[in-house]
Amino acid sequence: MVEFVLVAPLVILVGMAVLQLVLLMHARSTLTRAAAEGARAGALAGADAGAAAARARAIAVQTLGGVTLTAVRAEAETLDGLPVMTLAIDATVPLIGPFGTTAIEVEGHALLEVPR
């Protein structure tokens, strides 16, 4: 009985830490996918930065309920001499326990289609 009382809090703490790490990595992976998909949507011929941001926001909101998007920025720029659509997402993810929230920043790039 005494051993359980001494060991149980440590096991629970380690379990919560592992769970939090898994949730954080899932949120980062999903936001990275949303940024890449948004950049691809904005890189299509005739699309604009607004379409890219709207697509990324829709994916992130649909798949991640507890994540708060603080900013979604899309712009056409030149990267290594090539025209690309760059989409950046800033978000906050809630943490388990007394730790508050943590910020995540991800970017996605897609080569712009050039109409002929």
N, C-alpha and C. Protein backbone atom coordinates (compact mmCIF):
# COMPACT_ATOMS: atom_id res chain seq x y z
N MET A 1 0.82 -1.18 0.00
CA MET A 1 0.00 0.00 0.00
C MET A 1 0.88 1.27 0.00
N VAL A 2 1.89 1.27 0.83
CA VAL A 2 2.76 2.45 0.93
C VAL A 2 3.52 2.66 -0.38
N GLU A 3 3.98 1.57 -1.00
CA GLU A 3 4.71 1.69 -2.25
C GLU A 3 3.81 2.30 -3.34
N PHE A 4 2.54 1.90 -3.37
CA PHE A 4 1.62 2.45 -4.35
C PHE A 4 1.45 3.95 -4.16
N VAL A 5 1.29 4.38 -2.94
CA VAL A 5 1.12 5.81 -2.64
C VAL A 5 2.36 6.60 -3.06
N LEU A 6 3.53 6.01 -2.92
CA LEU A 6 4.76 6.70 -3.29
C LEU A 6 5.00 6.71 -4.80
N VAL A 7 4.64 5.64 -5.48
CA VAL A 7 4.95 5.50 -6.90
C VAL A 7 3.85 6.04 -7.81
N ALA A 8 2.60 5.95 -7.41
CA ALA A 8 1.47 6.34 -8.25
C ALA A 8 1.57 7.79 -8.77
N PRO A 9 1.90 8.77 -7.95
CA PRO A 9 2.00 10.14 -8.50
C PRO A 9 3.07 10.27 -9.59
N LEU A 10 4.17 9.57 -9.44
CA LEU A 10 5.22 9.64 -10.47
C LEU A 10 4.75 8.99 -11.77
N VAL A 11 4.07 7.86 -11.67
CA VAL A 11 3.57 7.18 -12.86
C VAL A 11 2.52 8.05 -13.56
N ILE A 12 1.65 8.67 -12.80
CA ILE A 12 0.63 9.55 -13.38
C ILE A 12 1.29 10.76 -14.04
N LEU A 13 2.29 11.34 -13.42
CA LEU A 13 3.00 12.49 -13.98
C LEU A 13 3.68 12.14 -15.30
N VAL A 14 4.36 11.00 -15.34
CA VAL A 14 5.02 10.58 -16.57
C VAL A 14 3.98 10.28 -17.65
N GLY A 15 2.88 9.64 -17.28
CA GLY A 15 1.83 9.36 -18.25
C GLY A 15 1.23 10.63 -18.83
N MET A 16 0.99 11.64 -17.99
CA MET A 16 0.45 12.91 -18.48
C MET A 16 1.45 13.63 -19.38
N ALA A 17 2.74 13.54 -19.05
CA ALA A 17 3.76 14.17 -19.88
C ALA A 17 3.82 13.52 -21.26
N VAL A 18 3.75 12.21 -21.31
CA VAL A 18 3.76 11.50 -22.59
C VAL A 18 2.51 11.86 -23.39
N LEU A 19 1.36 11.89 -22.74
CA LEU A 19 0.11 12.26 -23.42
C LEU A 19 0.19 13.67 -23.98
N GLN A 20 0.74 14.59 -23.22
CA GLN A 20 0.87 15.97 -23.70
C GLN A 20 1.79 16.06 -24.89
N LEU A 21 2.89 15.33 -24.86
CA LEU A 21 3.83 15.33 -25.98
C LEU A 21 3.16 14.79 -27.24
N VAL A 22 2.38 13.73 -27.09
CA VAL A 22 1.67 13.16 -28.24
C VAL A 22 0.66 14.16 -28.81
N LEU A 23 -0.09 14.82 -27.94
CA LEU A 23 -1.06 15.81 -28.41
C LEU A 23 -0.38 16.99 -29.10
N LEU A 24 0.73 17.44 -28.56
CA LEU A 24 1.47 18.55 -29.16
C LEU A 24 2.03 18.18 -30.53
N MET A 25 2.58 16.98 -30.66
CA MET A 25 3.12 16.54 -31.94
C MET A 25 2.00 16.35 -32.97
N HIS A 26 0.84 15.87 -32.54
CA HIS A 26 -0.30 15.73 -33.44
C HIS A 26 -0.76 17.10 -33.94
N ALA A 27 -0.85 18.07 -33.05
CA ALA A 27 -1.27 19.43 -33.43
C ALA A 27 -0.26 20.03 -34.40
N ARG A 28 1.02 19.87 -34.15
CA ARG A 28 2.05 20.43 -35.04
C ARG A 28 1.99 19.77 -36.42
N SER A 29 1.83 18.47 -36.45
CA SER A 29 1.76 17.75 -37.72
C SER A 29 0.53 18.18 -38.52
N THR A 30 -0.60 18.32 -37.85
CA THR A 30 -1.83 18.72 -38.53
C THR A 30 -1.73 20.15 -39.04
N LEU A 31 -1.14 21.05 -38.24
CA LEU A 31 -0.98 22.43 -38.68
C LEU A 31 0.00 22.54 -39.86
N THR A 32 1.03 21.72 -39.86
CA THR A 32 1.98 21.70 -40.98
C THR A 32 1.27 21.23 -42.25
N ARG A 33 0.43 20.21 -42.13
CA ARG A 33 -0.34 19.72 -43.27
C ARG A 33 -1.31 20.80 -43.76
N ALA A 34 -1.96 21.50 -42.83
CA ALA A 34 -2.89 22.57 -43.21
C ALA A 34 -2.16 23.71 -43.92
N ALA A 35 -0.97 24.05 -43.46
CA ALA A 35 -0.19 25.11 -44.09
C ALA A 35 0.23 24.71 -45.50
N ALA A 36 0.67 23.48 -45.68
CA ALA A 36 1.07 23.01 -47.00
C ALA A 36 -0.13 22.95 -47.95
N GLU A 37 -1.25 22.46 -47.47
CA GLU A 37 -2.45 22.38 -48.30
C GLU A 37 -2.97 23.78 -48.65
N GLY A 38 -2.93 24.70 -47.71
CA GLY A 38 -3.33 26.08 -47.98
C GLY A 38 -2.42 26.73 -49.00
N ALA A 39 -1.12 26.49 -48.89
CA ALA A 39 -0.18 27.06 -49.87
C ALA A 39 -0.46 26.49 -51.25
N ARG A 40 -0.76 25.20 -51.33
CA ARG A 40 -1.09 24.60 -52.63
C ARG A 40 -2.36 25.22 -53.21
N ALA A 41 -3.36 25.47 -52.37
CA ALA A 41 -4.60 26.07 -52.84
C ALA A 41 -4.37 27.49 -53.34
N GLY A 42 -3.48 28.22 -52.69
CA GLY A 42 -3.19 29.59 -53.11
C GLY A 42 -2.25 29.67 -54.29
N ALA A 43 -1.55 28.58 -54.60
CA ALA A 43 -0.59 28.58 -55.70
C ALA A 43 -1.24 28.26 -57.03
N LEU A 44 -2.50 27.85 -57.04
CA LEU A 44 -3.18 27.54 -58.29
C LEU A 44 -3.33 28.80 -59.14
N ALA A 45 -3.32 28.63 -60.44
CA ALA A 45 -3.49 29.76 -61.35
C ALA A 45 -4.85 30.41 -61.10
N GLY A 46 -4.86 31.70 -60.90
CA GLY A 46 -6.10 32.44 -60.65
C GLY A 46 -6.48 32.54 -59.19
N ALA A 47 -5.81 31.82 -58.30
CA ALA A 47 -6.10 31.90 -56.87
C ALA A 47 -5.31 33.05 -56.26
N ASP A 48 -5.67 33.41 -55.05
CA ASP A 48 -4.95 34.49 -54.37
C ASP A 48 -4.60 34.07 -52.95
N ALA A 49 -3.97 34.97 -52.23
CA ALA A 49 -3.55 34.68 -50.86
C ALA A 49 -4.74 34.44 -49.94
N GLY A 50 -5.86 35.08 -50.23
CA GLY A 50 -7.06 34.88 -49.42
C GLY A 50 -7.57 33.45 -49.51
N ALA A 51 -7.50 32.85 -50.69
CA ALA A 51 -7.92 31.46 -50.87
C ALA A 51 -7.00 30.53 -50.09
N ALA A 52 -5.71 30.84 -50.08
CA ALA A 52 -4.75 30.01 -49.33
C ALA A 52 -5.04 30.06 -47.84
N ALA A 53 -5.24 31.25 -47.32
CA ALA A 53 -5.51 31.40 -45.88
C ALA A 53 -6.83 30.74 -45.50
N ALA A 54 -7.85 30.89 -46.34
CA ALA A 54 -9.15 30.30 -46.04
C ALA A 54 -9.07 28.78 -46.02
N ARG A 55 -8.35 28.18 -46.96
CA ARG A 55 -8.21 26.72 -47.01
C ARG A 55 -7.45 26.21 -45.79
N ALA A 56 -6.36 26.86 -45.42
CA ALA A 56 -5.58 26.43 -44.26
C ALA A 56 -6.39 26.57 -42.97
N ARG A 57 -7.12 27.66 -42.83
CA ARG A 57 -7.95 27.88 -41.65
C ARG A 57 -9.04 26.81 -41.55
N ALA A 58 -9.66 26.48 -42.69
CA ALA A 58 -10.73 25.47 -42.69
C ALA A 58 -10.21 24.10 -42.26
N ILE A 59 -9.05 23.70 -42.77
CA ILE A 59 -8.48 22.41 -42.40
C ILE A 59 -8.12 22.38 -40.92
N ALA A 60 -7.47 23.43 -40.44
CA ALA A 60 -7.04 23.47 -39.05
C ALA A 60 -8.23 23.45 -38.09
N VAL A 61 -9.26 24.22 -38.38
CA VAL A 61 -10.42 24.28 -37.50
C VAL A 61 -11.19 22.96 -37.54
N GLN A 62 -11.27 22.34 -38.71
CA GLN A 62 -12.02 21.10 -38.86
C GLN A 62 -11.35 19.95 -38.12
N THR A 63 -10.03 19.90 -38.11
CA THR A 63 -9.34 18.75 -37.52
C THR A 63 -8.87 18.96 -36.09
N LEU A 64 -8.64 20.21 -35.69
CA LEU A 64 -8.14 20.48 -34.34
C LEU A 64 -9.13 21.39 -33.60
N GLY A 65 -9.89 20.83 -32.69
CA GLY A 65 -10.88 21.62 -31.98
C GLY A 65 -10.31 22.53 -30.92
N GLY A 66 -9.33 22.08 -30.14
CA GLY A 66 -8.83 22.86 -29.02
C GLY A 66 -7.73 23.84 -29.35
N VAL A 67 -7.31 23.88 -30.60
CA VAL A 67 -6.22 24.76 -31.00
C VAL A 67 -6.79 26.10 -31.43
N THR A 68 -6.18 27.19 -30.95
CA THR A 68 -6.61 28.53 -31.31
C THR A 68 -5.63 29.10 -32.33
N LEU A 69 -6.13 29.43 -33.51
CA LEU A 69 -5.28 30.04 -34.53
C LEU A 69 -5.14 31.52 -34.22
N THR A 70 -3.92 31.98 -34.00
CA THR A 70 -3.72 33.39 -33.70
C THR A 70 -3.47 34.20 -34.96
N ALA A 71 -2.87 33.57 -35.99
CA ALA A 71 -2.62 34.27 -37.25
C ALA A 71 -2.45 33.26 -38.37
N VAL A 72 -3.00 33.60 -39.53
CA VAL A 72 -2.78 32.83 -40.77
C VAL A 72 -2.39 33.85 -41.82
N ARG A 73 -1.13 33.79 -42.28
CA ARG A 73 -0.62 34.76 -43.24
C ARG A 73 -0.20 34.04 -44.52
N ALA A 74 -0.65 34.57 -45.65
CA ALA A 74 -0.27 34.00 -46.95
C ALA A 74 0.21 35.12 -47.85
N GLU A 75 1.29 34.85 -48.57
CA GLU A 75 1.80 35.85 -49.52
C GLU A 75 2.62 35.16 -50.60
N ALA A 76 2.57 35.75 -51.78
CA ALA A 76 3.40 35.27 -52.88
C ALA A 76 4.77 35.93 -52.75
N GLU A 77 5.80 35.13 -52.87
CA GLU A 77 7.17 35.65 -52.76
C GLU A 77 8.10 34.84 -53.64
N THR A 78 9.35 35.24 -53.69
CA THR A 78 10.36 34.52 -54.45
C THR A 78 11.29 33.82 -53.48
N LEU A 79 11.45 32.52 -53.69
CA LEU A 79 12.31 31.71 -52.83
C LEU A 79 13.31 30.98 -53.72
N ASP A 80 14.58 31.26 -53.58
CA ASP A 80 15.63 30.68 -54.42
C ASP A 80 15.38 30.92 -55.91
N GLY A 81 14.85 32.10 -56.24
CA GLY A 81 14.62 32.47 -57.62
C GLY A 81 13.33 31.93 -58.21
N LEU A 82 12.52 31.23 -57.42
CA LEU A 82 11.27 30.68 -57.92
C LEU A 82 10.08 31.36 -57.24
N PRO A 83 9.00 31.59 -58.00
CA PRO A 83 7.81 32.19 -57.37
C PRO A 83 7.06 31.14 -56.56
N VAL A 84 6.85 31.40 -55.29
CA VAL A 84 6.16 30.45 -54.41
C VAL A 84 5.08 31.17 -53.61
N MET A 85 4.11 30.41 -53.16
CA MET A 85 3.11 30.88 -52.20
C MET A 85 3.58 30.38 -50.84
N THR A 86 3.76 31.30 -49.92
CA THR A 86 4.18 30.95 -48.56
C THR A 86 3.01 31.20 -47.63
N LEU A 87 2.69 30.20 -46.81
CA LEU A 87 1.61 30.33 -45.85
C LEU A 87 2.16 30.02 -44.46
N ALA A 88 1.96 30.92 -43.52
CA ALA A 88 2.44 30.73 -42.15
C ALA A 88 1.24 30.70 -41.21
N ILE A 89 1.27 29.77 -40.26
CA ILE A 89 0.21 29.64 -39.26
C ILE A 89 0.83 29.78 -37.89
N ASP A 90 0.26 30.66 -37.08
CA ASP A 90 0.62 30.77 -35.67
C ASP A 90 -0.59 30.29 -34.87
N ALA A 91 -0.36 29.41 -33.91
CA ALA A 91 -1.46 28.86 -33.13
C ALA A 91 -1.02 28.63 -31.69
N THR A 92 -1.99 28.52 -30.80
CA THR A 92 -1.71 28.16 -29.42
C THR A 92 -2.42 26.85 -29.11
N VAL A 93 -1.72 25.98 -28.41
CA VAL A 93 -2.25 24.66 -28.05
C VAL A 93 -2.36 24.60 -26.54
N PRO A 94 -3.53 24.20 -26.01
CA PRO A 94 -3.66 24.09 -24.56
C PRO A 94 -2.86 22.90 -24.03
N LEU A 95 -2.28 23.08 -22.87
CA LEU A 95 -1.52 22.02 -22.23
C LEU A 95 -2.31 21.43 -21.08
N ILE A 96 -1.98 20.20 -20.74
CA ILE A 96 -2.61 19.54 -19.60
C ILE A 96 -1.94 20.06 -18.32
N GLY A 97 -2.72 20.32 -17.33
CA GLY A 97 -2.16 20.71 -16.04
C GLY A 97 -1.98 22.21 -15.92
N PRO A 98 -1.10 22.63 -15.04
CA PRO A 98 -0.95 24.06 -14.72
C PRO A 98 -0.01 24.80 -15.65
N PHE A 99 0.25 24.29 -16.83
CA PHE A 99 1.26 24.88 -17.69
C PHE A 99 0.73 25.93 -18.65
N GLY A 100 -0.58 26.10 -18.77
CA GLY A 100 -1.14 27.11 -19.67
C GLY A 100 -1.19 26.65 -21.10
N THR A 101 -0.67 27.46 -22.02
CA THR A 101 -0.68 27.12 -23.44
C THR A 101 0.74 27.25 -24.00
N THR A 102 0.92 26.67 -25.16
CA THR A 102 2.19 26.80 -25.85
C THR A 102 1.94 27.24 -27.29
N ALA A 103 2.85 28.00 -27.84
CA ALA A 103 2.70 28.54 -29.20
C ALA A 103 3.39 27.63 -30.21
N ILE A 104 2.75 27.50 -31.37
CA ILE A 104 3.31 26.72 -32.48
C ILE A 104 3.31 27.62 -33.71
N GLU A 105 4.42 27.62 -34.44
CA GLU A 105 4.53 28.36 -35.70
C GLU A 105 4.97 27.39 -36.78
N VAL A 106 4.20 27.32 -37.88
CA VAL A 106 4.55 26.43 -38.99
C VAL A 106 4.43 27.21 -40.29
N GLU A 107 5.12 26.72 -41.34
CA GLU A 107 5.06 27.33 -42.66
C GLU A 107 4.86 26.25 -43.71
N GLY A 108 4.21 26.64 -44.80
CA GLY A 108 4.05 25.77 -45.96
C GLY A 108 4.38 26.56 -47.20
N HIS A 109 4.97 25.90 -48.19
CA HIS A 109 5.35 26.54 -49.45
C HIS A 109 4.83 25.72 -50.62
N ALA A 110 4.45 26.40 -51.69
CA ALA A 110 4.05 25.72 -52.92
C ALA A 110 4.46 26.59 -54.10
N LEU A 111 4.94 25.94 -55.15
CA LEU A 111 5.36 26.64 -56.36
C LEU A 111 4.14 27.22 -57.07
N LEU A 112 4.20 28.51 -57.40
CA LEU A 112 3.08 29.17 -58.06
C LEU A 112 2.92 28.70 -59.50
N GLU A 113 1.67 28.44 -59.88
CA GLU A 113 1.37 28.13 -61.27
C GLU A 113 1.37 29.43 -62.06
N VAL A 114 1.99 29.40 -63.22
CA VAL A 114 2.04 30.58 -64.07
C VAL A 114 1.16 30.32 -65.28
N PRO A 115 0.08 31.13 -65.46
CA PRO A 115 -0.77 30.92 -66.62
C PRO A 115 -0.03 31.23 -67.93
N ARG A 116 -0.33 30.48 -68.96
CA ARG A 116 0.35 30.69 -70.25
C ARG A 116 -0.43 31.61 -71.12
